[in-house]
Protein backbone atom coordinates (compact mmCIF):
# COMPACT_ATOMS: atom_id res chain seq x y z
CA GLY A 1 -166.97 -226.82 101.81
CA ALA A 2 -163.70 -227.30 103.72
CA VAL A 3 -162.64 -224.65 106.08
CA VAL A 4 -159.24 -222.66 105.22
CA ARG A 5 -157.32 -222.06 108.11
CA GLY A 6 -154.70 -219.50 108.87
CA GLU A 7 -151.14 -219.78 107.25
CA ARG A 8 -149.58 -219.68 110.80
CA GLY A 9 -149.31 -221.46 114.01
CA ALA A 10 -151.93 -224.10 114.55
CA GLY A 11 -153.67 -223.48 111.52
CA ALA A 12 -150.35 -224.52 109.37
CA ALA A 13 -149.85 -227.31 111.21
CA PRO A 14 -149.42 -231.06 109.47
CA VAL A 15 -153.16 -232.21 107.95
CA SER A 16 -153.61 -235.89 108.84
CA THR A 17 -156.70 -236.92 107.63
CA THR A 18 -156.77 -241.09 107.64
CA ALA A 19 -160.51 -241.47 106.11
CA ILE A 20 -162.08 -240.35 102.82
CA ASN A 21 -164.84 -237.95 102.80
CA HIS A 22 -167.64 -238.52 101.43
CA ASN A 23 -168.08 -235.30 100.51
CA LEU A 24 -164.96 -234.46 98.04
CA ALA A 25 -166.04 -231.09 96.60
CA VAL A 26 -162.68 -228.20 97.30
CA PHE A 27 -163.54 -224.96 96.08
CA GLY A 28 -162.72 -223.12 93.16
CA TRP A 29 -161.36 -226.39 91.48
CA ASP A 30 -161.79 -226.66 87.83
CA LEU A 31 -161.44 -229.84 85.73
CA ARG A 32 -157.83 -230.00 85.64
CA ASP A 33 -157.66 -229.89 89.44
CA ALA A 34 -160.06 -232.34 90.13
CA LEU A 35 -158.04 -234.74 87.82
CA GLU A 36 -154.49 -234.04 88.81
CA LYS A 37 -154.23 -232.34 92.25
CA SER A 38 -153.82 -234.43 95.24
CA ALA A 39 -152.69 -233.89 98.99
CA ASP A 40 -148.94 -234.15 98.15
CA VAL A 41 -149.34 -231.81 95.05
CA CYS A 42 -150.92 -229.11 97.24
CA ARG A 43 -148.69 -229.48 100.00
CA LYS A 44 -145.62 -228.70 97.36
CA MET A 45 -147.87 -225.60 95.74
CA ILE A 46 -148.13 -224.11 98.97
CA GLY A 47 -145.53 -221.01 99.26
CA ALA A 48 -144.03 -219.71 102.27
CA PRO A 49 -146.58 -217.07 104.47
CA HIS A 50 -146.11 -214.13 102.86
CA ASP A 51 -146.74 -210.88 105.06
CA ASP A 52 -148.72 -207.76 103.56
CA LEU A 53 -150.38 -205.11 105.47
CA ILE A 54 -152.48 -204.00 103.00
CA ARG A 55 -154.21 -207.19 101.15
CA GLN A 56 -154.90 -209.85 104.07
CA MET A 57 -155.57 -212.83 102.21
CA VAL A 58 -154.68 -216.41 102.92
CA GLY A 59 -151.69 -217.55 100.69
CA ASN A 60 -152.70 -221.09 99.02
CA PRO A 61 -155.90 -220.76 100.32
CA GLY A 62 -157.49 -223.87 97.99
CA GLU A 63 -154.91 -225.84 98.93
CA ARG A 64 -154.93 -225.44 102.01
CA ALA A 65 -158.75 -226.68 101.81
CA ALA A 66 -158.07 -229.08 99.83
CA LEU A 67 -155.61 -230.83 102.17
CA ARG A 68 -158.82 -230.92 105.01
CA ALA A 69 -161.01 -232.94 101.97
CA LEU A 70 -158.53 -235.00 100.36
CA PRO A 71 -157.07 -238.20 102.60
CA THR A 72 -153.30 -237.62 103.26
CA ARG A 73 -152.66 -240.71 105.48
CA PRO A 74 -151.02 -242.87 105.12
CA PRO A 75 -148.34 -241.53 102.71
CA SER A 76 -149.48 -243.59 99.50
CA ALA A 77 -153.00 -242.29 100.41
CA GLY A 78 -151.17 -238.59 99.69
CA ALA A 79 -150.99 -239.47 96.42
CA LEU A 80 -154.82 -239.82 95.96
CA THR A 81 -156.68 -236.60 93.35
CA GLN A 82 -159.99 -236.18 94.02
CA VAL A 83 -161.35 -238.64 91.48
CA GLU A 84 -159.22 -241.30 92.62
CA ALA A 85 -160.57 -240.44 96.11
CA ALA A 86 -163.78 -241.37 94.98
CA ARG A 87 -162.86 -244.33 92.96
CA VAL A 88 -161.22 -246.03 96.33
CA LEU A 89 -163.82 -245.12 97.91
CA GLY A 90 -166.30 -247.14 96.36
CA GLU A 91 -164.13 -250.15 96.65
CA ARG A 92 -163.87 -249.64 99.85
CA ALA A 93 -167.45 -249.53 100.02
CA ALA A 94 -167.95 -252.72 97.65
CA ASP A 95 -165.58 -254.85 100.70
CA ASP A 96 -167.45 -253.30 103.44
CA ALA A 97 -170.46 -254.91 101.91
CA GLY A 98 -168.48 -258.02 101.70
CA GLU A 99 -168.09 -258.08 97.73
CA ALA A 100 -165.58 -258.54 95.42
CA ARG A 101 -164.11 -255.59 93.76
CA GLU A 102 -165.82 -256.90 90.53
CA PRO A 103 -168.01 -254.39 89.23
CA ASP A 104 -171.27 -255.31 90.63
CA PRO A 105 -174.14 -251.98 90.84
CA ASP A 106 -175.64 -253.39 93.94
CA HIS A 107 -172.33 -251.89 95.98
CA GLY A 108 -169.87 -249.22 96.11
CA ILE A 109 -170.88 -245.48 96.22
CA GLU A 110 -175.11 -244.98 95.95
CA THR A 111 -174.90 -241.49 94.12
CA LEU A 112 -171.98 -239.80 92.76
CA ILE A 113 -172.53 -236.50 91.88
CA VAL A 114 -170.08 -234.45 89.88
CA PHE A 115 -170.31 -230.40 89.71
CA LEU A 116 -167.35 -229.15 87.90
CA GLY A 117 -166.84 -227.24 85.16
CA ALA A 118 -168.36 -223.94 86.43
CA ASN A 119 -164.52 -222.66 87.43
CA ASN A 120 -163.43 -223.04 83.79
CA ALA A 121 -165.42 -219.54 82.97
CA LEU A 122 -166.24 -218.35 86.30
CA SER A 123 -162.90 -215.93 86.35
CA SER A 124 -164.24 -213.75 83.45
CA VAL A 125 -167.13 -212.57 85.56
CA VAL A 126 -165.04 -212.02 89.09
CA ASP A 127 -162.18 -210.58 87.31
CA LEU A 128 -164.23 -209.06 84.56
CA LYS A 129 -161.56 -209.65 82.25
CA VAL A 130 -162.17 -212.42 79.33
CA VAL A 131 -158.72 -214.14 78.29
CA TRP A 132 -159.32 -217.57 76.20
CA SER A 133 -157.37 -220.36 77.09
CA GLU A 134 -154.48 -221.06 75.28
CA ALA A 135 -151.25 -223.74 75.12
CA GLY A 136 -150.67 -224.81 78.84
CA TYR A 137 -154.66 -224.73 79.92
CA ASP A 138 -153.99 -228.25 81.45
CA ASP A 139 -150.98 -227.37 83.06
CA LEU A 140 -151.83 -226.66 86.86
CA ARG A 141 -148.68 -223.90 87.32
CA ARG A 142 -149.78 -221.83 83.69
CA LYS A 143 -153.74 -222.55 83.59
CA GLY A 144 -153.78 -220.00 86.48
CA ARG A 145 -153.76 -216.58 83.61
CA PHE A 146 -156.91 -217.90 81.54
CA THR A 147 -160.61 -216.64 82.55
CA VAL A 148 -162.89 -219.23 79.96
CA TRP A 149 -161.68 -222.16 78.57
CA ARG A 150 -162.23 -222.97 74.44
CA PRO A 151 -165.04 -225.46 74.34
CA GLU A 152 -162.57 -227.54 72.88
CA HIS A 153 -160.04 -227.59 75.68
CA PHE A 154 -162.90 -228.19 77.92
CA ALA A 155 -163.97 -230.98 75.54
CA ALA A 156 -160.61 -232.49 75.70
CA GLU A 157 -160.74 -232.22 79.55
CA LEU A 158 -164.29 -233.21 80.22
CA GLY A 159 -163.10 -236.31 78.43
CA GLN A 160 -160.39 -237.56 80.48
CA LEU A 161 -162.68 -236.54 83.31
CA ALA A 162 -165.51 -238.83 82.27
CA GLN A 163 -162.88 -241.95 81.83
CA ALA A 164 -161.56 -241.41 85.25
CA VAL A 165 -165.83 -241.62 86.86
CA GLU A 166 -166.26 -244.54 84.68
CA ARG A 167 -163.71 -245.94 86.94
CA ILE A 168 -165.11 -244.91 90.06
CA ARG A 169 -167.87 -247.77 91.40
CA ALA A 170 -170.58 -245.70 91.77
CA ARG A 171 -174.65 -247.45 90.91
CA HIS A 172 -175.72 -243.68 89.94
CA VAL A 173 -173.89 -240.36 88.81
CA ILE A 174 -175.39 -237.50 88.16
CA TRP A 175 -173.43 -234.62 86.24
CA CYS A 176 -174.47 -231.11 86.77
CA ALA A 177 -174.40 -229.09 83.74
CA VAL A 178 -172.12 -225.72 83.82
CA PRO A 179 -174.63 -222.62 84.60
CA HIS A 180 -174.02 -219.23 82.83
CA VAL A 181 -171.72 -217.39 84.95
CA THR A 182 -172.69 -214.24 83.46
CA ILE A 183 -176.15 -214.31 85.76
CA ALA A 184 -174.22 -214.24 88.69
CA PRO A 185 -175.04 -210.80 90.50
CA VAL A 186 -171.27 -210.05 90.67
CA ALA A 187 -171.45 -208.82 87.43
CA ARG A 188 -173.83 -206.39 87.13
CA GLY A 189 -175.72 -205.20 83.64
CA VAL A 190 -175.21 -201.52 82.75
CA ASP A 191 -178.27 -199.08 81.44
CA ALA A 192 -180.72 -200.87 78.84
CA LYS A 193 -180.03 -204.03 77.09
CA GLY A 194 -178.81 -203.27 73.80
CA ALA A 195 -182.03 -204.44 71.97
CA ALA A 196 -185.20 -205.67 72.34
CA GLY A 197 -185.19 -209.35 73.02
CA SER A 198 -181.56 -209.16 73.68
CA ARG A 199 -180.26 -211.05 76.83
CA TYR A 200 -177.96 -209.08 77.32
CA PHE A 201 -176.60 -205.84 78.70
CA PRO A 202 -174.12 -203.07 76.99
CA TYR A 203 -171.70 -203.60 79.57
CA TYR A 204 -171.46 -204.91 83.11
CA THR A 205 -169.59 -203.97 86.22
CA ARG A 206 -169.12 -204.56 89.96
CA PRO A 207 -172.98 -204.40 91.52
CA TRP A 208 -171.89 -201.06 93.50
CA ILE A 209 -171.08 -198.47 90.45
CA SER A 210 -174.64 -197.42 89.66
CA ASP A 211 -175.70 -196.70 85.67
CA ARG A 212 -174.90 -192.71 86.89
CA ASP A 213 -171.52 -193.35 88.12
CA PHE A 214 -170.43 -196.40 85.39
CA ASP A 215 -167.64 -194.87 83.15
CA ARG A 216 -166.15 -197.49 80.72
CA ARG A 217 -162.69 -196.00 80.23
CA ARG A 218 -162.09 -196.28 84.12
CA ASP A 219 -164.40 -198.59 86.00
CA PRO A 220 -163.88 -202.30 85.29
CA HIS A 221 -166.08 -204.36 83.12
CA LEU A 222 -167.18 -207.03 80.14
CA THR A 223 -168.81 -205.77 76.73
CA GLY A 224 -172.24 -207.58 76.14
CA GLU A 225 -170.76 -209.31 73.38
CA GLN A 226 -168.06 -210.26 75.76
CA ALA A 227 -171.04 -211.30 78.05
CA ARG A 228 -172.87 -213.41 75.20
CA ALA A 229 -169.19 -215.42 73.99
CA VAL A 230 -168.42 -216.82 77.69
CA ASP A 231 -172.21 -218.08 77.43
CA ALA A 232 -171.78 -219.46 74.26
CA ALA A 233 -168.36 -221.48 75.16
CA ILE A 234 -170.93 -222.58 78.07
CA ASP A 235 -173.49 -223.62 76.04
CA ARG A 236 -170.59 -226.04 74.08
CA TYR A 237 -169.56 -226.99 77.43
CA ASN A 238 -172.99 -228.74 78.00
CA ASP A 239 -173.30 -230.03 74.80
CA ALA A 240 -170.14 -231.88 75.47
CA MET A 241 -171.33 -232.95 78.80
CA ALA A 242 -174.89 -234.05 77.46
CA ASP A 243 -173.36 -236.38 75.08
CA VAL A 244 -170.75 -237.76 77.79
CA VAL A 245 -173.61 -238.69 79.58
CA ARG A 246 -175.51 -239.97 76.18
CA THR A 247 -172.54 -242.38 75.55
CA ALA A 248 -172.30 -243.75 79.00
CA ARG A 249 -176.24 -244.57 79.34
CA ARG A 250 -175.91 -246.16 75.76
CA ALA A 251 -173.00 -248.48 77.48
CA GLY A 252 -175.53 -249.55 80.31
CA ARG A 253 -174.13 -246.87 82.39
CA ASP A 254 -177.12 -244.81 85.15
CA TRP A 255 -175.56 -241.46 84.26
CA TYR A 256 -177.82 -238.80 84.30
CA LEU A 257 -177.56 -234.68 83.61
CA LEU A 258 -179.04 -232.15 85.74
CA ASP A 259 -179.54 -228.68 83.62
CA THR A 260 -178.45 -226.31 86.32
CA ALA A 261 -177.78 -223.99 83.60
CA GLY A 262 -181.43 -224.38 83.00
CA LEU A 263 -182.20 -224.08 86.61
CA LEU A 264 -180.27 -220.46 86.83
CA ASP A 265 -181.82 -219.18 83.59
CA ARG A 266 -185.45 -219.89 84.62
CA LEU A 267 -184.48 -218.03 88.45
CA ALA A 268 -182.33 -214.48 86.52
CA CYS A 269 -184.72 -211.92 87.30
CA ARG A 270 -183.17 -209.14 85.11
CA ARG A 271 -182.23 -211.52 82.49
CA TYR A 272 -185.47 -212.86 81.50
CA ILE A 273 -188.06 -212.69 84.78
CA GLU A 274 -187.99 -209.21 84.56
CA ASP A 275 -188.06 -209.14 79.93
CA ALA A 276 -190.57 -210.90 78.53
CA THR A 277 -189.33 -210.16 74.90
CA ALA A 278 -185.74 -211.82 75.77
CA ARG A 279 -187.21 -215.34 76.57
CA PRO A 280 -186.28 -218.49 74.60
CA GLY A 281 -189.38 -220.09 73.30
CA TRP A 282 -188.64 -223.23 75.95
CA TRP A 283 -188.09 -220.61 78.93
CA THR A 284 -190.72 -221.19 82.36
CA PRO A 285 -190.70 -219.44 85.32
CA TYR A 286 -189.09 -221.47 87.66
CA PRO A 287 -191.68 -222.78 90.42
CA LEU A 288 -190.23 -221.34 93.60
CA PRO A 289 -191.34 -223.76 97.09
CA ARG A 290 -194.45 -222.01 99.03
CA GLU A 291 -191.82 -220.87 101.60
CA LEU A 292 -189.52 -218.90 99.23
CA ARG A 293 -192.83 -217.21 97.43
CA ALA A 294 -194.77 -216.31 100.99
CA LEU A 295 -191.49 -214.41 101.97
CA ASP A 296 -191.46 -210.66 101.16
CA PRO A 297 -189.49 -209.46 98.80
CA VAL A 298 -189.85 -213.03 97.32
CA PRO A 299 -185.82 -213.95 96.33
CA ASN A 300 -184.46 -213.39 93.65
CA SER A 301 -181.35 -213.02 91.38
CA ARG A 302 -180.46 -209.76 92.24
CA PHE A 303 -177.63 -208.79 94.55
CA LEU A 304 -178.46 -208.78 98.30
CA LEU A 305 -178.94 -205.45 99.83
CA SER A 306 -180.91 -204.32 103.14
CA ASP A 307 -183.27 -201.69 103.95
CA GLY A 308 -181.01 -201.21 107.73
CA GLU A 309 -183.72 -203.82 108.94
CA ALA A 310 -184.15 -206.33 106.65
CA ARG A 311 -184.16 -208.10 103.27
CA SER A 312 -185.27 -205.48 100.50
CA ASP A 313 -183.50 -207.23 97.43
CA GLY A 314 -181.91 -210.93 96.40
CA GLY A 315 -181.48 -213.40 98.15
CA LEU A 316 -180.79 -215.92 96.33
CA PHE A 317 -177.03 -214.65 96.40
CA SER A 318 -174.67 -214.77 99.24
CA LEU A 319 -173.02 -210.89 99.77
CA ASP A 320 -170.04 -212.20 97.46
CA GLY A 321 -172.40 -212.24 94.38
CA VAL A 322 -171.42 -215.70 93.12
CA HIS A 323 -172.48 -218.53 95.62
CA PRO A 324 -176.13 -219.28 96.33
CA THR A 325 -177.69 -218.36 99.99
CA THR A 326 -178.57 -221.58 101.96
CA VAL A 327 -182.29 -221.40 100.35
CA ALA A 328 -180.53 -221.06 97.08
CA TYR A 329 -178.47 -224.25 98.02
CA GLY A 330 -182.07 -225.85 98.85
CA ILE A 331 -183.52 -225.13 95.51
CA LEU A 332 -180.04 -227.46 94.29
CA ALA A 333 -180.42 -229.96 96.45
CA GLN A 334 -184.72 -230.43 95.66
CA GLU A 335 -183.12 -231.10 91.94
CA LEU A 336 -180.86 -233.39 93.09
CA VAL A 337 -183.09 -235.34 95.52
CA ASP A 338 -185.62 -235.33 92.41
CA VAL A 339 -182.89 -236.98 89.90
CA MET A 340 -182.09 -239.49 92.29
CA ARG A 341 -185.58 -240.44 93.06
CA THR A 342 -186.14 -240.98 89.27
CA ALA A 343 -182.57 -243.49 89.24
CA GLY A 344 -184.67 -245.33 91.90
CA VAL A 345 -182.53 -243.99 94.96
CA GLU A 346 -184.22 -244.86 98.52
CA PHE A 347 -184.74 -242.19 101.00
CA ARG A 348 -185.92 -243.26 104.50
CA THR A 349 -187.56 -241.85 107.48
CA PRO A 350 -185.23 -239.78 109.83
CA TYR A 351 -186.05 -241.47 113.18
CA GLY A 352 -188.25 -244.82 112.43
CA GLY A 353 -185.81 -245.21 109.12
CA GLU A 354 -188.84 -246.85 107.21
CA PRO A 355 -188.41 -245.90 103.36
CA ARG A 356 -190.39 -242.93 102.44
CA THR A 357 -192.80 -243.01 99.29
CA GLY A 358 -193.72 -240.33 96.44
CA ARG A 359 -191.99 -236.94 95.99
CA VAL A 360 -189.26 -236.37 98.32
CA ARG A 361 -189.50 -232.91 99.72
CA VAL A 362 -186.59 -230.29 101.36
CA ASP A 363 -187.83 -228.49 104.33
CA PHE A 364 -187.56 -225.25 103.09
CA GLU A 365 -189.10 -223.91 105.89
CA ARG A 366 -186.00 -225.01 108.47
CA LEU A 367 -183.78 -223.56 105.87
CA VAL A 368 -185.49 -220.08 106.12
CA ARG A 369 -184.94 -220.29 109.94
CA ARG A 370 -181.63 -221.05 109.44
CA ASP A 371 -180.39 -218.63 106.50
CA THR A 372 -179.43 -215.67 108.41
CA LEU A 373 -179.00 -213.72 104.74
CA ILE A 374 -182.63 -214.30 104.07
CA ASN A 375 -184.53 -213.59 107.72
CA ARG A 376 -181.22 -210.93 109.38
CA PRO A 377 -179.36 -210.07 106.77
CA PRO A 378 -176.78 -207.32 108.17
CA GLY A 379 -177.87 -203.93 108.30
CA ASN A 380 -175.93 -202.08 106.88
CA VAL A 381 -175.66 -203.69 103.53
CA THR A 382 -176.35 -201.12 101.44
CA SER A 383 -174.14 -198.59 102.52
CA GLY A 384 -171.22 -201.14 102.94
CA LEU A 385 -171.44 -201.56 99.34
CA HIS A 386 -169.89 -197.89 98.79
CA VAL A 387 -167.35 -199.68 101.02
CA ILE A 388 -166.79 -202.74 99.33
CA GLY A 389 -166.33 -200.96 96.22
CA TRP A 390 -163.65 -198.42 97.77
CA ALA A 391 -161.77 -201.60 98.72
CA ASP A 392 -162.59 -203.05 95.30
CA GLU A 393 -161.21 -200.14 93.47
CA ALA A 394 -158.18 -199.40 95.93
CA LEU A 395 -156.44 -202.73 97.61
CA ASP A 396 -158.24 -204.85 94.56
CA ILE A 397 -159.79 -207.53 97.04
CA MET A 398 -162.71 -208.23 95.49
CA ALA A 399 -161.37 -210.92 92.15
CA ARG A 400 -158.81 -212.37 94.91
CA ALA A 401 -162.23 -213.37 97.70
CA LEU A 402 -163.70 -214.54 94.58
CA ARG A 403 -161.67 -216.61 92.35
CA PHE A 404 -162.72 -219.27 94.15
CA GLY A 405 -165.84 -220.90 93.43
CA ARG A 406 -167.75 -223.83 95.16
CA LEU A 407 -168.14 -226.34 93.12
CA GLY A 408 -166.45 -230.26 92.87
CA LEU A 409 -167.28 -233.90 93.15
CA GLY A 410 -168.90 -235.59 96.19
CA GLY A 411 -170.86 -238.78 96.81
CA LYS A 412 -173.69 -239.71 98.56
């Protein structure tokens, strides 16, 4: 991800990025952003800094971050969108190998990972509002009013994205399915589930609002039926993505689909792990790496809490209740590595550079050591929930801070 710098002083200085990053991901971007936003477009969207003594938020954070992820020089590079930058990167890789620009499976980007789409539904749980897309969903200036894309709108934009990805010289392309955003603990299910065997709670509200304190007349919330509808839309997003990958494979392209929706479902603590009656026939618990199973408590998908000295709950989601922790990113990395091995991607040892045989495994012991939310969480995180709750109610900062997911497009 890119660092969001300030909107004044050195942080607001013109950005000069001549190289094309191998990681082109920009937090908060949906399908339309990947198709249309360039450094030039982002510059135009960034307005004059606005002073607000209460809401101390950086203006246009996504666009400012994009200026550090997308190329800006020479001037012509500033017009490259995210997918166009990947296309140029693939062509340069082929040129560096001394090859012509005709399609050649042996050159270009080795593995392109496309992880886009979650932000077409994430705002529903961040804002706790379901606003279905209408006319203007494909307009950069108008789409911000919607929190969930209708499946037909998502499919239309996905088709355009697939066509753009086809023009990128990549030997292997891994598409990541859209996870069910209602599992993220930023929206906590209230009370018992609606009926035996149901996946859904009657209401979903902020994680710091207890069942006892929740008041549906006052507190922001989604209903269980709204959560179900959002998940049903995401299922159709993923059906469309599967069709895209299936069609490409029939045409001879080495494209893959990583079921990140199923991955999160298999880690869903309150939805499935603690409720055997709600589990679908295909469901099995995700086998956590032994290094994570050895932790006490074992990391789960609940909101991260501390008892004042150590983590007492959660561990797969960070403090914003949306993004994974370092060890959870490791789980995703392992799944991607496994798909790349299936595709025949060669991994080498870090020092001798020798080809590695057998399964290539993420070093989770190292990730556990480096994940401070796992081994050294803030001591006041439990009592701090009340402070966050007050700030959310008084200043509405949570929705502003979490509106932007961290998914995007990158290449290896």
